[in-house]
C-alpha atoms as a PDB file:
ATOM      1  CA  MET A   1    -114.776-153.674 -75.096  1.00  0.00           C
ATOM      2  CA  LYS A   2    -112.275-153.382 -72.279  1.00  0.00           C
ATOM      3  CA  ASP A   3    -110.235-150.222 -71.877  1.00  0.00           C
ATOM      4  CA  TRP A   4    -106.490-149.865 -71.189  1.00  0.00           C
ATOM      5  CA  THR A   5    -106.989-150.817 -67.580  1.00  0.00           C
ATOM      6  CA  GLY A   6    -108.466-154.181 -68.517  1.00  0.00           C
ATOM      7  CA  ASN A   7    -111.788-153.122 -66.998  1.00  0.00           C
ATOM      8  CA  SER A   8    -115.035-152.789 -68.843  1.00  0.00           C
ATOM      9  CA  HIS A   9    -115.613-149.238 -67.621  1.00  0.00           C
ATOM     10  CA  THR A  10    -114.380-146.385 -69.790  1.00  0.00           C
ATOM     11  CA  MET A  11    -111.721-143.800 -69.147  1.00  0.00           C
ATOM     12  CA  SER A  12    -110.794-140.685 -71.121  1.00  0.00           C
ATOM     13  CA  CYS A  13    -107.681-140.679 -73.248  1.00  0.00           C
ATOM     14  CA  LEU A  14    -106.498-137.249 -72.184  1.00  0.00           C
ATOM     15  CA  GLY A  15    -103.464-136.876 -69.964  1.00  0.00           C
ATOM     16  CA  ALA A  16    -103.457-137.332 -66.237  1.00  0.00           C
ATOM     17  CA  HIS A  17    -101.496-134.825 -64.278  1.00  0.00           C
ATOM     18  CA  ASN A  18    -100.846-133.417 -60.832  1.00  0.00           C
ATOM     19  CA  TRP A  19    -104.067-133.921 -58.883  1.00  0.00           C
ATOM     20  CA  SER A  20    -104.225-136.398 -56.036  1.00  0.00           C
ATOM     21  CA  VAL A  21    -106.173-139.637 -56.327  1.00  0.00           C
ATOM     22  CA  HIS A  22    -108.993-138.148 -54.265  1.00  0.00           C
ATOM     23  CA  GLU A  23    -109.262-135.069 -56.504  1.00  0.00           C
ATOM     24  CA  ARG A  24    -108.903-136.845 -59.865  1.00  0.00           C
ATOM     25  CA  GLU A  25    -111.606-136.485 -62.449  1.00  0.00           C
ATOM     26  CA  LYS A  26    -113.690-139.647 -62.720  1.00  0.00           C
ATOM     27  CA  HIS A  27    -112.552-140.577 -66.241  1.00  0.00           C
ATOM     28  CA  ASP A  28    -109.062-139.058 -65.989  1.00  0.00           C
ATOM     29  CA  TYR A  29    -110.024-136.240 -68.348  1.00  0.00           C
ATOM     30  CA  TYR A  30    -107.458-133.439 -68.189  1.00  0.00           C
ATOM     31  CA  ALA A  31    -107.580-131.273 -71.294  1.00  0.00           C
ATOM     32  CA  THR A  32    -104.514-129.556 -72.726  1.00  0.00           C
ATOM     33  CA  ASP A  33    -104.344-125.816 -73.191  1.00  0.00           C
ATOM     34  CA  PRO A  34    -104.478-125.252 -76.992  1.00  0.00           C
ATOM     35  CA  LYS A  35    -101.447-122.990 -76.566  1.00  0.00           C
ATOM     36  CA  ALA A  36     -99.360-126.186 -76.313  1.00  0.00           C
ATOM     37  CA  ILE A  37    -100.151-127.320 -79.869  1.00  0.00           C
ATOM     38  CA  ILE A  38     -99.992-123.795 -81.277  1.00  0.00           C
ATOM     39  CA  GLU A  39     -96.416-123.510 -80.009  1.00  0.00           C
ATOM     40  CA  LEU A  40     -95.442-126.989 -81.249  1.00  0.00           C
ATOM     41  CA  LEU A  41     -96.639-126.171 -84.765  1.00  0.00           C
ATOM     42  CA  LYS A  42     -94.266-123.199 -84.824  1.00  0.00           C
ATOM     43  CA  VAL A  43     -91.252-125.513 -84.515  1.00  0.00           C
ATOM     44  CA  GLU A  44     -92.320-128.822 -86.146  1.00  0.00           C
ATOM     45  CA  GLU A  45     -94.111-129.732 -89.364  1.00  0.00           C
ATOM     46  CA  PHE A  46     -96.788-132.433 -89.399  1.00  0.00           C
ATOM     47  CA  LYS A  47     -99.123-133.994 -91.949  1.00  0.00           C
ATOM     48  CA  ASN A  48    -102.416-135.878 -91.813  1.00  0.00           C
ATOM     49  CA  VAL A  49    -102.482-135.956 -88.008  1.00  0.00           C
ATOM     50  CA  TRP A  50    -104.455-138.417 -85.929  1.00  0.00           C
ATOM     51  CA  GLU A  51    -105.295-136.951 -82.527  1.00  0.00           C
ATOM     52  CA  CYS A  52    -106.104-140.242 -80.810  1.00  0.00           C
ATOM     53  CA  ALA A  53    -107.110-138.866 -77.387  1.00  0.00           C
ATOM     54  CA  CYS A  54    -109.061-135.837 -78.523  1.00  0.00           C
ATOM     55  CA  GLY A  55    -111.468-135.272 -75.626  1.00  0.00           C
ATOM     56  CA  GLU A  56    -113.442-132.166 -76.534  1.00  0.00           C
ATOM     57  CA  GLY A  57    -110.988-131.265 -79.290  1.00  0.00           C
ATOM     58  CA  HIS A  58    -108.710-128.772 -77.554  1.00  0.00           C
ATOM     59  CA  LEU A  59    -105.710-129.870 -79.662  1.00  0.00           C
ATOM     60  CA  ALA A  60    -107.611-131.293 -82.628  1.00  0.00           C
ATOM     61  CA  LYS A  61    -109.486-128.067 -83.356  1.00  0.00           C
ATOM     62  CA  VAL A  62    -106.201-126.195 -83.746  1.00  0.00           C
ATOM     63  CA  LEU A  63    -104.915-128.932 -86.053  1.00  0.00           C
ATOM     64  CA  ALA A  64    -108.148-128.728 -88.072  1.00  0.00           C
ATOM     65  CA  GLU A  65    -107.843-124.948 -88.392  1.00  0.00           C
ATOM     66  CA  LYS A  66    -104.336-125.428 -89.803  1.00  0.00           C
ATOM     67  CA  GLY A  67    -105.544-128.084 -92.272  1.00  0.00           C
ATOM     68  CA  LEU A  68    -103.483-130.793 -90.567  1.00  0.00           C
ATOM     69  CA  LEU A  69    -106.145-132.966 -88.926  1.00  0.00           C
ATOM     70  CA  GLY A  70    -106.798-136.325 -90.555  1.00  0.00           C
ATOM     71  CA  ARG A  71    -108.667-137.991 -87.685  1.00  0.00           C
ATOM     72  CA  ALA A  72    -109.758-137.225 -84.125  1.00  0.00           C
ATOM     73  CA  SER A  73    -110.895-139.989 -81.793  1.00  0.00           C
ATOM     74  CA  ASP A  74    -111.268-140.877 -78.139  1.00  0.00           C
ATOM     75  CA  LEU A  75    -112.387-143.768 -75.998  1.00  0.00           C
ATOM     76  CA  ILE A  76    -115.197-141.631 -74.562  1.00  0.00           C
ATOM     77  CA  ASP A  77    -117.542-139.545 -76.686  1.00  0.00           C
ATOM     78  CA  ARG A  78    -117.188-135.953 -75.482  1.00  0.00           C
ATOM     79  CA  GLY A  79    -118.894-134.428 -78.487  1.00  0.00           C
ATOM     80  CA  TYR A  80    -115.839-134.175 -80.717  1.00  0.00           C
ATOM     81  CA  GLY A  81    -114.224-136.696 -83.030  1.00  0.00           C
ATOM     82  CA  GLU A  82    -114.969-140.402 -83.400  1.00  0.00           C
ATOM     83  CA  ASN A  83    -115.520-142.894 -80.635  1.00  0.00           C
ATOM     84  CA  ARG A  84    -113.208-145.612 -81.975  1.00  0.00           C
ATOM     85  CA  GLY A  85    -112.844-147.664 -78.822  1.00  0.00           C
ATOM     86  CA  ASP A  86    -109.507-148.408 -77.236  1.00  0.00           C
ATOM     87  CA  PHE A  87    -106.624-146.832 -79.165  1.00  0.00           C
ATOM     88  CA  LEU A  88    -104.227-149.343 -77.623  1.00  0.00           C
ATOM     89  CA  LEU A  89    -106.006-152.133 -79.521  1.00  0.00           C
ATOM     90  CA  GLU A  90    -105.641-150.430 -82.920  1.00  0.00           C
ATOM     91  CA  ASP A  91    -103.697-152.301 -85.585  1.00  0.00           C
ATOM     92  CA  ASP A  92    -104.470-150.460 -88.846  1.00  0.00           C
ATOM     93  CA  VAL A  93    -101.495-148.554 -90.231  1.00  0.00           C
ATOM     94  CA  TRP A  94    -101.979-144.776 -90.135  1.00  0.00           C
ATOM     95  CA  ASN A  95    -100.602-142.920 -93.148  1.00  0.00           C
ATOM     96  CA  GLY A  96     -99.631-139.750 -91.348  1.00  0.00           C
ATOM     97  CA  ASP A  97     -98.484-138.495 -87.953  1.00  0.00           C
ATOM     98  CA  ILE A  98     -99.963-138.940 -84.475  1.00  0.00           C
ATOM     99  CA  ILE A  99    -100.173-136.180 -81.862  1.00  0.00           C
ATOM    100  CA  THR A 100    -101.837-136.392 -78.463  1.00  0.00           C
ATOM    101  CA  ASN A 101    -101.736-135.811 -74.748  1.00  0.00           C
ATOM    102  CA  PRO A 102    -102.097-139.410 -73.554  1.00  0.00           C
ATOM    103  CA  PRO A 103    -103.364-140.463 -70.139  1.00  0.00           C
ATOM    104  CA  TYR A 104    -100.156-140.341 -68.143  1.00  0.00           C
ATOM    105  CA  LYS A 105    -100.600-143.804 -66.656  1.00  0.00           C
ATOM    106  CA  TYR A 106    -100.741-145.272 -70.173  1.00  0.00           C
ATOM    107  CA  ALA A 107     -98.316-142.930 -71.911  1.00  0.00           C
ATOM    108  CA  LEU A 108     -95.744-145.624 -72.613  1.00  0.00           C
ATOM    109  CA  GLN A 109     -98.393-147.814 -74.244  1.00  0.00           C
ATOM    110  CA  PHE A 110     -99.690-144.885 -76.312  1.00  0.00           C
ATOM    111  CA  ILE A 111     -96.172-144.184 -77.549  1.00  0.00           C
ATOM    112  CA  THR A 112     -95.416-147.777 -78.500  1.00  0.00           C
ATOM    113  CA  THR A 113     -98.824-148.227 -80.156  1.00  0.00           C
ATOM    114  CA  SER A 114     -98.403-144.983 -82.109  1.00  0.00           C
ATOM    115  CA  LEU A 115     -94.924-145.951 -83.300  1.00  0.00           C
ATOM    116  CA  LYS A 116     -96.288-149.340 -84.380  1.00  0.00           C
ATOM    117  CA  LEU A 117     -99.100-147.721 -86.404  1.00  0.00           C
ATOM    118  CA  VAL A 118     -97.151-145.072 -88.334  1.00  0.00           C
ATOM    119  CA  ASN A 119     -94.839-145.564 -91.310  1.00  0.00           C
ATOM    120  CA  ASP A 120     -91.077-145.023 -91.267  1.00  0.00           C
ATOM    121  CA  GLY A 121     -90.280-141.317 -91.229  1.00  0.00           C
ATOM    122  CA  ALA A 122     -93.659-140.378 -89.706  1.00  0.00           C
ATOM    123  CA  LYS A 123     -93.830-138.411 -86.471  1.00  0.00           C
ATOM    124  CA  VAL A 124     -95.364-139.198 -83.102  1.00  0.00           C
ATOM    125  CA  ALA A 125     -95.664-136.233 -80.722  1.00  0.00           C
ATOM    126  CA  MET A 126     -96.730-136.713 -77.111  1.00  0.00           C
ATOM    127  CA  PHE A 127     -97.427-133.986 -74.554  1.00  0.00           C
ATOM    128  CA  LEU A 128     -95.896-135.346 -71.345  1.00  0.00           C
ATOM    129  CA  ARG A 129     -94.409-134.271 -68.076  1.00  0.00           C
ATOM    130  CA  VAL A 130     -90.725-133.415 -68.144  1.00  0.00           C
ATOM    131  CA  GLN A 131     -90.348-136.107 -65.468  1.00  0.00           C
ATOM    132  CA  PHE A 132     -91.381-138.708 -68.045  1.00  0.00           C
ATOM    133  CA  LEU A 133     -87.659-138.921 -68.810  1.00  0.00           C
ATOM    134  CA  GLU A 134     -87.170-140.657 -65.459  1.00  0.00           C
ATOM    135  CA  SER A 135     -87.671-144.322 -64.566  1.00  0.00           C
ATOM    136  CA  ARG A 136     -85.963-147.597 -65.331  1.00  0.00           C
ATOM    137  CA  GLY A 137     -89.129-148.808 -66.997  1.00  0.00           C
ATOM    138  CA  ARG A 138     -88.925-146.131 -69.705  1.00  0.00           C
ATOM    139  CA  TYR A 139     -85.151-146.409 -70.108  1.00  0.00           C
ATOM    140  CA  LYS A 140     -85.561-149.162 -72.705  1.00  0.00           C
ATOM    141  CA  LEU A 141     -87.948-147.003 -74.741  1.00  0.00           C
ATOM    142  CA  PHE A 142     -85.544-144.070 -74.767  1.00  0.00           C
ATOM    143  CA  THR A 143     -82.516-146.186 -75.681  1.00  0.00           C
ATOM    144  CA  THR A 144     -84.136-148.392 -78.343  1.00  0.00           C
ATOM    145  CA  THR A 145     -86.548-145.860 -79.891  1.00  0.00           C
ATOM    146  CA  PRO A 146     -85.358-142.413 -78.807  1.00  0.00           C
ATOM    147  CA  PRO A 147     -87.384-139.307 -79.544  1.00  0.00           C
ATOM    148  CA  LYS A 148     -85.687-137.075 -82.079  1.00  0.00           C
ATOM    149  CA  THR A 149     -86.520-133.855 -80.237  1.00  0.00           C
ATOM    150  CA  ILE A 150     -87.848-132.954 -76.804  1.00  0.00           C
ATOM    151  CA  TYR A 151     -89.312-129.457 -76.624  1.00  0.00           C
ATOM    152  CA  VAL A 152     -89.380-128.189 -73.053  1.00  0.00           C
ATOM    153  CA  PHE A 153     -91.630-125.210 -72.341  1.00  0.00           C
ATOM    154  CA  SER A 154     -89.805-122.306 -70.692  1.00  0.00           C
ATOM    155  CA  GLY A 155     -92.984-121.536 -68.731  1.00  0.00           C
ATOM    156  CA  ARG A 156     -95.917-123.614 -67.585  1.00  0.00           C
ATOM    157  CA  VAL A 157     -98.698-124.825 -69.848  1.00  0.00           C
ATOM    158  CA  GLY A 158    -101.797-125.799 -67.923  1.00  0.00           C
ATOM    159  CA  CYS A 159    -104.237-128.677 -68.160  1.00  0.00           C
ATOM    160  CA  ALA A 160    -107.799-128.547 -66.903  1.00  0.00           C
ATOM    161  CA  ILE A 161    -110.126-131.032 -65.256  1.00  0.00           C
ATOM    162  CA  ASN A 162    -113.053-131.660 -67.638  1.00  0.00           C
ATOM    163  CA  GLY A 163    -111.616-129.026 -69.983  1.00  0.00           C
ATOM    164  CA  GLN A 164    -112.721-126.235 -67.636  1.00  0.00           C
ATOM    165  CA  PHE A 165    -109.858-123.795 -68.056  1.00  0.00           C
ATOM    166  CA  GLY A 166    -109.948-120.946 -65.572  1.00  0.00           C
ATOM    167  CA  ILE A 167    -111.974-123.031 -63.119  1.00  0.00           C
ATOM    168  CA  HIS A 168    -110.092-126.312 -62.699  1.00  0.00           C
ATOM    169  CA  SER A 169    -106.745-125.713 -64.393  1.00  0.00           C
ATOM    170  CA  ASN A 170    -103.322-126.604 -63.100  1.00  0.00           C
ATOM    171  CA  SER A 171     -99.993-125.244 -64.258  1.00  0.00           C
ATOM    172  CA  ALA A 172     -97.836-126.601 -61.427  1.00  0.00           C
ATOM    173  CA  VAL A 173     -96.359-129.395 -63.559  1.00  0.00           C
ATOM    174  CA  PRO A 174     -93.623-128.794 -66.177  1.00  0.00           C
ATOM    175  CA  PHE A 175     -94.462-130.262 -69.590  1.00  0.00           C
ATOM    176  CA  ALA A 176     -92.669-130.936 -72.849  1.00  0.00           C
ATOM    177  CA  TRP A 177     -93.472-132.218 -76.312  1.00  0.00           C
ATOM    178  CA  TYR A 178     -91.648-135.467 -77.050  1.00  0.00           C
ATOM    179  CA  VAL A 179     -91.358-135.912 -80.814  1.00  0.00           C
ATOM    180  CA  TRP A 180     -90.399-139.269 -82.309  1.00  0.00           C
ATOM    181  CA  VAL A 181     -89.577-139.809 -85.979  1.00  0.00           C
ATOM    182  CA  LYS A 182     -90.076-143.494 -86.683  1.00  0.00           C
ATOM    183  CA  GLY A 183     -86.739-145.047 -87.542  1.00  0.00           C
ATOM    184  CA  TYR A 184     -84.630-142.356 -85.829  1.00  0.00           C
ATOM    185  CA  LYS A 185     -81.843-143.975 -83.779  1.00  0.00           C
ATOM    186  CA  ASP A 186     -79.516-141.119 -82.826  1.00  0.00           C
ATOM    187  CA  ASP A 187     -79.371-139.160 -79.574  1.00  0.00           C
ATOM    188  CA  PRO A 188     -82.354-136.934 -78.765  1.00  0.00           C
ATOM    189  CA  ARG A 189     -82.051-133.181 -79.005  1.00  0.00           C
ATOM    190  CA  ILE A 190     -83.482-130.968 -76.299  1.00  0.00           C
ATOM    191  CA  LYS A 191     -84.872-127.604 -77.346  1.00  0.00           C
ATOM    192  CA  TRP A 192     -86.923-125.003 -75.536  1.00  0.00           C
ATOM    193  CA  ILE A 193     -90.187-123.355 -76.467  1.00  0.00           C
ATOM    194  CA  LEU A 194     -90.265-119.840 -75.082  1.00  0.00           C
ATOM    195  CA  ILE A 195     -93.652-118.872 -73.654  1.00  0.00           C
END
């Protein structure tokens, strides 16, 4: 099966961040500090969550501990969750919410696929750079299917190459949680998460 790039090689689903091309992890695996999901769950309610880019489970394990995890999957088997193949080729409706840190290069596709898979009123939460708000290419997304709330972190939340926090982590990039509610058409609200 081909991955999001159209190539037959595989690539991790976790978010790509602020390392140069020469320093990037081979499969674009940049794990999210679990603190990010812990803080999101303090301000938003979710149910039956599919973490569709689970990596080693840094976000999914927190969701499981809270009784919110319905499914965890990734393109690459890293010892946690299901290897379901390419999430962007999914077409089965998911009866719940979707939360993930998508690979940055494919974030737009992860958002549109997630919104296609969930029912009206369900939530899609994506951990993305604050700068994701920029670009003409994403303007259509934000004007036709706006997120309901964007939660900007007051401090930095790090990501780590190969999930090795403390060794290969980076907190130089500002992140936010972008939360869509399928069917919401009003202006987004911006809120802050104090850390």
